[in-house]
Amino acid sequence: MNNDPIHKGALGQAMLPFVMRELVGMVMKRKALPLEDALFYIYSSSLYRSLLDEKTKLWYQSTVSLYEDLEKEKTASKRSQNENPKVLLFQMFCAENYREAKDISAEEVLLVFSLHGVFEFLGDNYEMLHTQDADYILDTITTYIKRKK
């Protein structure tokens, strides 16, 4: 087996489209979602980030197993959001302020926030951030995103 840096991760990258095809199809069917929504449903998950991580080798799991893990994650996320409506309101406040400050679309905000885990960051740091002014919060979000890149 070739262990040079060029081929490192090649198996995972080669398997990912096949795994995603099956997983996206299952999400579309079971959740009755169109393709774009099913893709976002998966792309906004930590399961997807784990699929991209060569070390996890998640692509070896069955599609059913991956789907079940995805549903567990989404259920836990929904439960935590429903437990504290103040946090959800704060996250929406931040998203709208970020959209306006950066002059981008809501879809772009959602993509950036999901890709970099900003919603989770805001939830985890709600107690500290929600008492700050909007400029400070936007600076914190921007710095957080830059560090995640």
N, C-alpha and C. Protein backbone atom coordinates (compact mmCIF):
# COMPACT_ATOMS: atom_id res chain seq x y z
N MET A 1 0.85 -1.18 0.00
CA MET A 1 0.00 0.00 0.00
C MET A 1 0.88 1.23 0.00
N ASN A 2 0.48 2.23 -0.75
CA ASN A 2 1.25 3.44 -0.89
C ASN A 2 0.93 4.39 0.26
N ASN A 3 1.94 4.81 1.02
CA ASN A 3 1.74 5.69 2.17
C ASN A 3 2.25 7.10 1.95
N ASP A 4 2.58 7.45 0.69
CA ASP A 4 3.06 8.81 0.48
C ASP A 4 1.92 9.82 0.66
N PRO A 5 2.25 11.07 0.92
CA PRO A 5 1.23 12.09 1.22
C PRO A 5 0.21 12.28 0.10
N ILE A 6 0.61 12.04 -1.16
CA ILE A 6 -0.31 12.22 -2.28
C ILE A 6 -1.47 11.24 -2.19
N HIS A 7 -1.20 10.01 -1.75
CA HIS A 7 -2.24 8.98 -1.70
C HIS A 7 -2.91 8.89 -0.34
N LYS A 8 -2.38 9.60 0.66
CA LYS A 8 -2.96 9.55 1.99
C LYS A 8 -4.36 10.16 1.94
N GLY A 9 -5.35 9.43 2.40
CA GLY A 9 -6.72 9.92 2.38
C GLY A 9 -7.44 9.65 1.07
N ALA A 10 -6.77 9.04 0.12
CA ALA A 10 -7.37 8.80 -1.19
C ALA A 10 -8.57 7.86 -1.09
N LEU A 11 -8.50 6.84 -0.24
CA LEU A 11 -9.61 5.91 -0.11
C LEU A 11 -10.86 6.61 0.41
N GLY A 12 -10.69 7.40 1.45
CA GLY A 12 -11.83 8.13 2.01
C GLY A 12 -12.44 9.08 1.01
N GLN A 13 -11.61 9.81 0.27
CA GLN A 13 -12.12 10.74 -0.73
C GLN A 13 -12.80 10.00 -1.87
N ALA A 14 -12.31 8.81 -2.19
CA ALA A 14 -12.93 8.03 -3.25
C ALA A 14 -14.26 7.43 -2.80
N MET A 15 -14.37 7.08 -1.54
CA MET A 15 -15.58 6.46 -1.01
C MET A 15 -16.69 7.47 -0.72
N LEU A 16 -16.32 8.68 -0.37
CA LEU A 16 -17.29 9.67 0.07
C LEU A 16 -18.46 9.90 -0.90
N PRO A 17 -18.23 10.06 -2.19
CA PRO A 17 -19.38 10.26 -3.10
C PRO A 17 -20.37 9.10 -3.08
N PHE A 18 -19.87 7.88 -2.95
CA PHE A 18 -20.75 6.71 -2.93
C PHE A 18 -21.57 6.65 -1.64
N VAL A 19 -20.89 6.94 -0.54
CA VAL A 19 -21.57 6.96 0.76
C VAL A 19 -22.61 8.07 0.77
N MET A 20 -22.24 9.24 0.29
CA MET A 20 -23.16 10.37 0.27
C MET A 20 -24.35 10.11 -0.64
N ARG A 21 -24.13 9.47 -1.77
CA ARG A 21 -25.25 9.16 -2.67
C ARG A 21 -26.30 8.34 -1.95
N GLU A 22 -25.86 7.33 -1.23
CA GLU A 22 -26.80 6.47 -0.51
C GLU A 22 -27.46 7.21 0.65
N LEU A 23 -26.67 7.97 1.40
CA LEU A 23 -27.20 8.68 2.56
C LEU A 23 -28.17 9.78 2.13
N VAL A 24 -27.82 10.52 1.10
CA VAL A 24 -28.71 11.58 0.60
C VAL A 24 -30.01 10.96 0.11
N GLY A 25 -29.91 9.87 -0.60
CA GLY A 25 -31.12 9.18 -1.08
C GLY A 25 -32.01 8.74 0.08
N MET A 26 -31.42 8.22 1.13
CA MET A 26 -32.19 7.77 2.28
C MET A 26 -32.85 8.96 2.99
N VAL A 27 -32.12 10.05 3.15
CA VAL A 27 -32.68 11.24 3.80
C VAL A 27 -33.82 11.80 2.95
N MET A 28 -33.64 11.86 1.65
CA MET A 28 -34.70 12.35 0.76
C MET A 28 -35.96 11.50 0.90
N LYS A 29 -35.78 10.21 0.94
CA LYS A 29 -36.93 9.30 0.99
C LYS A 29 -37.61 9.35 2.37
N ARG A 30 -36.84 9.19 3.43
CA ARG A 30 -37.42 9.09 4.77
C ARG A 30 -37.93 10.42 5.32
N LYS A 31 -37.30 11.53 4.91
CA LYS A 31 -37.70 12.84 5.41
C LYS A 31 -38.57 13.59 4.40
N ALA A 32 -38.76 13.00 3.22
CA ALA A 32 -39.53 13.63 2.13
C ALA A 32 -38.98 15.03 1.81
N LEU A 33 -37.66 15.08 1.61
CA LEU A 33 -36.99 16.36 1.33
C LEU A 33 -36.50 16.39 -0.11
N PRO A 34 -36.49 17.56 -0.72
CA PRO A 34 -35.83 17.69 -2.03
C PRO A 34 -34.32 17.60 -1.86
N LEU A 35 -33.62 17.43 -2.95
CA LEU A 35 -32.18 17.21 -2.93
C LEU A 35 -31.43 18.29 -2.15
N GLU A 36 -31.69 19.56 -2.43
CA GLU A 36 -30.96 20.64 -1.77
C GLU A 36 -31.14 20.61 -0.26
N ASP A 37 -32.38 20.36 0.19
CA ASP A 37 -32.66 20.31 1.62
C ASP A 37 -32.01 19.10 2.27
N ALA A 38 -32.01 17.98 1.57
CA ALA A 38 -31.38 16.77 2.10
C ALA A 38 -29.87 16.99 2.23
N LEU A 39 -29.27 17.63 1.24
CA LEU A 39 -27.84 17.93 1.31
C LEU A 39 -27.53 18.84 2.48
N PHE A 40 -28.33 19.89 2.66
CA PHE A 40 -28.09 20.78 3.78
C PHE A 40 -28.27 20.05 5.10
N TYR A 41 -29.27 19.20 5.18
CA TYR A 41 -29.54 18.43 6.40
C TYR A 41 -28.29 17.63 6.80
N ILE A 42 -27.62 17.08 5.82
CA ILE A 42 -26.41 16.29 6.08
C ILE A 42 -25.20 17.20 6.28
N TYR A 43 -25.01 18.17 5.39
CA TYR A 43 -23.83 19.03 5.46
C TYR A 43 -23.76 19.84 6.74
N SER A 44 -24.90 20.10 7.36
CA SER A 44 -24.91 20.90 8.58
C SER A 44 -24.74 20.04 9.83
N SER A 45 -24.35 18.81 9.66
CA SER A 45 -24.21 17.91 10.81
C SER A 45 -22.75 17.66 11.16
N SER A 46 -22.53 17.27 12.40
CA SER A 46 -21.18 16.87 12.79
C SER A 46 -20.85 15.50 12.20
N LEU A 47 -21.87 14.71 11.88
CA LEU A 47 -21.64 13.43 11.22
C LEU A 47 -20.92 13.65 9.89
N TYR A 48 -21.35 14.64 9.13
CA TYR A 48 -20.69 14.92 7.86
C TYR A 48 -19.23 15.33 8.09
N ARG A 49 -18.99 16.18 9.08
CA ARG A 49 -17.60 16.58 9.37
C ARG A 49 -16.78 15.35 9.75
N SER A 50 -17.40 14.40 10.43
CA SER A 50 -16.69 13.16 10.79
C SER A 50 -16.44 12.30 9.56
N LEU A 51 -17.37 12.32 8.60
CA LEU A 51 -17.15 11.58 7.35
C LEU A 51 -15.95 12.13 6.60
N LEU A 52 -15.71 13.41 6.71
CA LEU A 52 -14.57 14.03 6.03
C LEU A 52 -13.24 13.73 6.72
N ASP A 53 -13.31 13.33 7.96
CA ASP A 53 -12.10 13.03 8.73
C ASP A 53 -11.63 11.62 8.41
N GLU A 54 -10.49 11.54 7.79
CA GLU A 54 -9.91 10.25 7.37
C GLU A 54 -9.77 9.26 8.52
N LYS A 55 -9.51 9.77 9.72
CA LYS A 55 -9.26 8.89 10.87
C LYS A 55 -10.50 8.12 11.33
N THR A 56 -11.68 8.68 11.12
CA THR A 56 -12.90 8.03 11.63
C THR A 56 -13.30 6.81 10.80
N LYS A 57 -12.98 6.84 9.52
CA LYS A 57 -13.32 5.75 8.59
C LYS A 57 -14.82 5.43 8.64
N LEU A 58 -15.64 6.45 8.82
CA LEU A 58 -17.09 6.27 8.90
C LEU A 58 -17.70 5.73 7.61
N TRP A 59 -17.02 5.92 6.48
CA TRP A 59 -17.58 5.45 5.22
C TRP A 59 -17.74 3.93 5.19
N TYR A 60 -17.12 3.22 6.15
CA TYR A 60 -17.29 1.77 6.23
C TYR A 60 -18.62 1.36 6.87
N GLN A 61 -19.25 2.29 7.59
CA GLN A 61 -20.54 1.97 8.22
C GLN A 61 -21.63 1.86 7.16
N SER A 62 -22.67 1.12 7.50
CA SER A 62 -23.78 1.00 6.56
C SER A 62 -24.53 2.32 6.47
N THR A 63 -25.25 2.49 5.39
CA THR A 63 -26.05 3.70 5.20
C THR A 63 -27.09 3.83 6.31
N VAL A 64 -27.70 2.71 6.68
CA VAL A 64 -28.71 2.73 7.75
C VAL A 64 -28.08 3.20 9.06
N SER A 65 -26.91 2.71 9.37
CA SER A 65 -26.21 3.11 10.59
C SER A 65 -25.87 4.60 10.57
N LEU A 66 -25.38 5.08 9.43
CA LEU A 66 -25.07 6.51 9.31
C LEU A 66 -26.33 7.35 9.46
N TYR A 67 -27.42 6.91 8.85
CA TYR A 67 -28.69 7.63 8.95
C TYR A 67 -29.17 7.67 10.40
N GLU A 68 -29.08 6.56 11.09
CA GLU A 68 -29.50 6.53 12.49
C GLU A 68 -28.65 7.46 13.35
N ASP A 69 -27.34 7.50 13.10
CA ASP A 69 -26.46 8.42 13.83
C ASP A 69 -26.83 9.87 13.52
N LEU A 70 -27.14 10.14 12.26
CA LEU A 70 -27.54 11.49 11.86
C LEU A 70 -28.83 11.89 12.56
N GLU A 71 -29.80 11.00 12.63
CA GLU A 71 -31.07 11.30 13.28
C GLU A 71 -30.90 11.51 14.79
N LYS A 72 -30.03 10.74 15.41
CA LYS A 72 -29.76 10.94 16.84
C LYS A 72 -29.18 12.32 17.07
N GLU A 73 -28.23 12.71 16.23
CA GLU A 73 -27.61 14.02 16.35
C GLU A 73 -28.64 15.13 16.16
N LYS A 74 -29.47 15.01 15.12
CA LYS A 74 -30.47 16.05 14.84
C LYS A 74 -31.51 16.13 15.95
N THR A 75 -31.91 14.99 16.50
CA THR A 75 -32.88 14.97 17.59
C THR A 75 -32.31 15.64 18.84
N ALA A 76 -31.07 15.32 19.16
CA ALA A 76 -30.42 15.94 20.32
C ALA A 76 -30.28 17.44 20.12
N SER A 77 -29.94 17.85 18.92
CA SER A 77 -29.78 19.28 18.63
C SER A 77 -31.12 20.00 18.76
N LYS A 78 -32.17 19.40 18.23
CA LYS A 78 -33.49 20.01 18.31
C LYS A 78 -33.96 20.09 19.76
N ARG A 79 -33.70 19.06 20.51
CA ARG A 79 -34.10 19.04 21.93
C ARG A 79 -33.39 20.15 22.70
N SER A 80 -32.11 20.32 22.47
CA SER A 80 -31.37 21.36 23.19
C SER A 80 -31.82 22.75 22.77
N GLN A 81 -32.18 22.94 21.52
CA GLN A 81 -32.67 24.24 21.07
C GLN A 81 -34.04 24.54 21.67
N ASN A 82 -34.89 23.54 21.80
CA ASN A 82 -36.22 23.74 22.35
C ASN A 82 -36.20 23.99 23.84
N GLU A 83 -35.14 23.55 24.51
CA GLU A 83 -35.05 23.71 25.95
C GLU A 83 -34.84 25.16 26.36
N ASN A 84 -34.22 25.95 25.50
CA ASN A 84 -33.95 27.33 25.85
C ASN A 84 -34.26 28.25 24.68
N PRO A 85 -35.50 28.77 24.61
CA PRO A 85 -35.86 29.65 23.50
C PRO A 85 -35.05 30.95 23.48
N LYS A 86 -34.49 31.35 24.63
CA LYS A 86 -33.65 32.56 24.67
C LYS A 86 -32.38 32.36 23.84
N VAL A 87 -31.82 31.16 23.90
CA VAL A 87 -30.61 30.87 23.12
C VAL A 87 -30.94 30.90 21.63
N LEU A 88 -32.07 30.31 21.26
CA LEU A 88 -32.49 30.30 19.85
C LEU A 88 -32.71 31.74 19.36
N LEU A 89 -33.36 32.56 20.16
CA LEU A 89 -33.57 33.96 19.79
C LEU A 89 -32.22 34.67 19.61
N PHE A 90 -31.28 34.41 20.51
CA PHE A 90 -29.95 35.01 20.41
C PHE A 90 -29.24 34.56 19.14
N GLN A 91 -29.33 33.27 18.80
CA GLN A 91 -28.71 32.76 17.58
C GLN A 91 -29.29 33.44 16.34
N MET A 92 -30.61 33.63 16.33
CA MET A 92 -31.26 34.30 15.19
C MET A 92 -30.86 35.78 15.13
N PHE A 93 -30.76 36.42 16.28
CA PHE A 93 -30.29 37.81 16.36
C PHE A 93 -28.89 37.92 15.74
N CYS A 94 -28.02 36.99 16.10
CA CYS A 94 -26.64 37.00 15.60
C CYS A 94 -26.61 36.75 14.09
N ALA A 95 -27.39 35.79 13.62
CA ALA A 95 -27.42 35.47 12.20
C ALA A 95 -27.90 36.68 11.38
N GLU A 96 -28.95 37.32 11.85
CA GLU A 96 -29.49 38.48 11.13
C GLU A 96 -28.52 39.65 11.15
N ASN A 97 -27.88 39.90 12.28
CA ASN A 97 -26.91 40.98 12.36
C ASN A 97 -25.69 40.69 11.49
N TYR A 98 -25.26 39.44 11.45
CA TYR A 98 -24.12 39.06 10.62
C TYR A 98 -24.48 39.24 9.15
N ARG A 99 -25.69 38.81 8.76
CA ARG A 99 -26.15 38.95 7.37
C ARG A 99 -26.13 40.41 6.95
N GLU A 100 -26.66 41.25 7.81
CA GLU A 100 -26.72 42.68 7.51
C GLU A 100 -25.32 43.30 7.47
N ALA A 101 -24.49 42.98 8.41
CA ALA A 101 -23.15 43.56 8.48
C ALA A 101 -22.28 43.13 7.30
N LYS A 102 -22.42 41.89 6.87
CA LYS A 102 -21.60 41.38 5.77
C LYS A 102 -22.26 41.56 4.41
N ASP A 103 -23.53 42.03 4.42
CA ASP A 103 -24.30 42.25 3.20
C ASP A 103 -24.33 40.98 2.33
N ILE A 104 -24.72 39.88 2.97
CA ILE A 104 -24.84 38.60 2.27
C ILE A 104 -26.26 38.06 2.46
N SER A 105 -26.59 37.04 1.71
CA SER A 105 -27.94 36.47 1.78
C SER A 105 -28.08 35.59 3.02
N ALA A 106 -29.32 35.33 3.37
CA ALA A 106 -29.60 34.44 4.50
C ALA A 106 -29.04 33.04 4.23
N GLU A 107 -29.10 32.59 2.98
CA GLU A 107 -28.55 31.28 2.63
C GLU A 107 -27.05 31.23 2.87
N GLU A 108 -26.37 32.32 2.53
CA GLU A 108 -24.92 32.37 2.75
C GLU A 108 -24.58 32.36 4.24
N VAL A 109 -25.38 33.09 5.04
CA VAL A 109 -25.17 33.08 6.49
C VAL A 109 -25.34 31.67 7.03
N LEU A 110 -26.39 31.02 6.61
CA LEU A 110 -26.67 29.66 7.07
C LEU A 110 -25.53 28.72 6.69
N LEU A 111 -25.03 28.86 5.48
CA LEU A 111 -23.93 28.01 5.03
C LEU A 111 -22.67 28.27 5.86
N VAL A 112 -22.31 29.53 6.05
CA VAL A 112 -21.11 29.88 6.82
C VAL A 112 -21.25 29.43 8.27
N PHE A 113 -22.39 29.73 8.89
CA PHE A 113 -22.59 29.37 10.28
C PHE A 113 -22.59 27.85 10.47
N SER A 114 -23.19 27.14 9.54
CA SER A 114 -23.23 25.68 9.66
C SER A 114 -21.86 25.06 9.41
N LEU A 115 -21.19 25.56 8.39
CA LEU A 115 -19.87 25.02 8.04
C LEU A 115 -18.86 25.18 9.17
N HIS A 116 -18.93 26.29 9.89
CA HIS A 116 -17.95 26.59 10.92
C HIS A 116 -18.46 26.36 12.35
N GLY A 117 -19.66 25.83 12.49
CA GLY A 117 -20.18 25.51 13.82
C GLY A 117 -20.51 26.75 14.65
N VAL A 118 -20.90 27.83 13.99
CA VAL A 118 -21.16 29.08 14.70
C VAL A 118 -22.40 28.96 15.60
N PHE A 119 -23.43 28.28 15.13
CA PHE A 119 -24.63 28.13 15.97
C PHE A 119 -24.30 27.43 17.28
N GLU A 120 -23.47 26.39 17.20
CA GLU A 120 -23.07 25.68 18.40
C GLU A 120 -22.21 26.58 19.29
N PHE A 121 -21.31 27.32 18.68
CA PHE A 121 -20.46 28.26 19.41
C PHE A 121 -21.31 29.28 20.17
N LEU A 122 -22.31 29.83 19.49
CA LEU A 122 -23.19 30.82 20.13
C LEU A 122 -23.99 30.19 21.26
N GLY A 123 -24.44 28.96 21.07
CA GLY A 123 -25.17 28.28 22.13
C GLY A 123 -24.29 28.00 23.34
N ASP A 124 -23.06 27.55 23.06
CA ASP A 124 -22.13 27.23 24.14
C ASP A 124 -21.68 28.47 24.91
N ASN A 125 -21.65 29.62 24.23
CA ASN A 125 -21.15 30.85 24.85
C ASN A 125 -22.24 31.89 25.08
N TYR A 126 -23.47 31.43 25.10
CA TYR A 126 -24.62 32.32 25.27
C TYR A 126 -24.49 33.18 26.53
N GLU A 127 -24.18 32.58 27.64
CA GLU A 127 -24.14 33.30 28.91
C GLU A 127 -23.17 34.48 28.87
N MET A 128 -22.04 34.30 28.21
CA MET A 128 -21.07 35.37 28.14
C MET A 128 -21.43 36.40 27.07
N LEU A 129 -21.91 35.93 25.91
CA LEU A 129 -22.09 36.83 24.77
C LEU A 129 -23.38 37.62 24.78
N HIS A 130 -24.46 37.08 25.29
CA HIS A 130 -25.76 37.75 25.11
C HIS A 130 -25.85 39.10 25.83
N THR A 131 -24.94 39.37 26.73
CA THR A 131 -24.96 40.64 27.45
C THR A 131 -24.10 41.71 26.75
N GLN A 132 -23.43 41.33 25.67
CA GLN A 132 -22.52 42.25 24.98
C GLN A 132 -23.28 43.03 23.88
N ASP A 133 -22.66 44.09 23.39
CA ASP A 133 -23.30 44.84 22.31
C ASP A 133 -23.09 44.11 20.97
N ALA A 134 -23.88 44.52 19.98
CA ALA A 134 -23.89 43.84 18.69
C ALA A 134 -22.52 43.86 18.01
N ASP A 135 -21.80 44.98 18.09
CA ASP A 135 -20.48 45.07 17.45
C ASP A 135 -19.50 44.06 18.06
N TYR A 136 -19.51 43.94 19.36
CA TYR A 136 -18.63 42.98 20.03
C TYR A 136 -18.98 41.55 19.60
N ILE A 137 -20.27 41.25 19.55
CA ILE A 137 -20.71 39.91 19.16
C ILE A 137 -20.29 39.61 17.73
N LEU A 138 -20.48 40.57 16.81
CA LEU A 138 -20.09 40.36 15.42
C LEU A 138 -18.58 40.18 15.29
N ASP A 139 -17.81 40.94 16.02
CA ASP A 139 -16.34 40.77 16.02
C ASP A 139 -15.96 39.38 16.52
N THR A 140 -16.63 38.93 17.56
CA THR A 140 -16.36 37.61 18.12
C THR A 140 -16.68 36.52 17.10
N ILE A 141 -17.83 36.64 16.44
CA ILE A 141 -18.22 35.66 15.42
C ILE A 141 -17.22 35.66 14.27
N THR A 142 -16.85 36.83 13.79
CA THR A 142 -15.90 36.94 12.68
C THR A 142 -14.55 36.32 13.04
N THR A 143 -14.07 36.60 14.24
CA THR A 143 -12.81 36.02 14.70
C THR A 143 -12.92 34.50 14.80
N TYR A 144 -14.02 34.03 15.33
CA TYR A 144 -14.24 32.60 15.46
C TYR A 144 -14.22 31.91 14.09
N ILE A 145 -14.89 32.49 13.13
CA ILE A 145 -14.92 31.91 11.78
C ILE A 145 -13.52 31.90 11.16
N LYS A 146 -12.77 32.99 11.31
CA LYS A 146 -11.41 33.06 10.76
C LYS A 146 -10.52 31.98 11.37
N ARG A 147 -10.68 31.71 12.65
CA ARG A 147 -9.86 30.68 13.31
C ARG A 147 -10.24 29.28 12.88
N LYS A 148 -11.49 29.08 12.45
CA LYS A 148 -11.95 27.76 12.03
C LYS A 148 -11.53 27.42 10.60
N LYS A 149 -11.12 28.41 9.84
CA LYS A 149 -10.75 28.19 8.42
C LYS A 149 -9.42 27.52 8.32
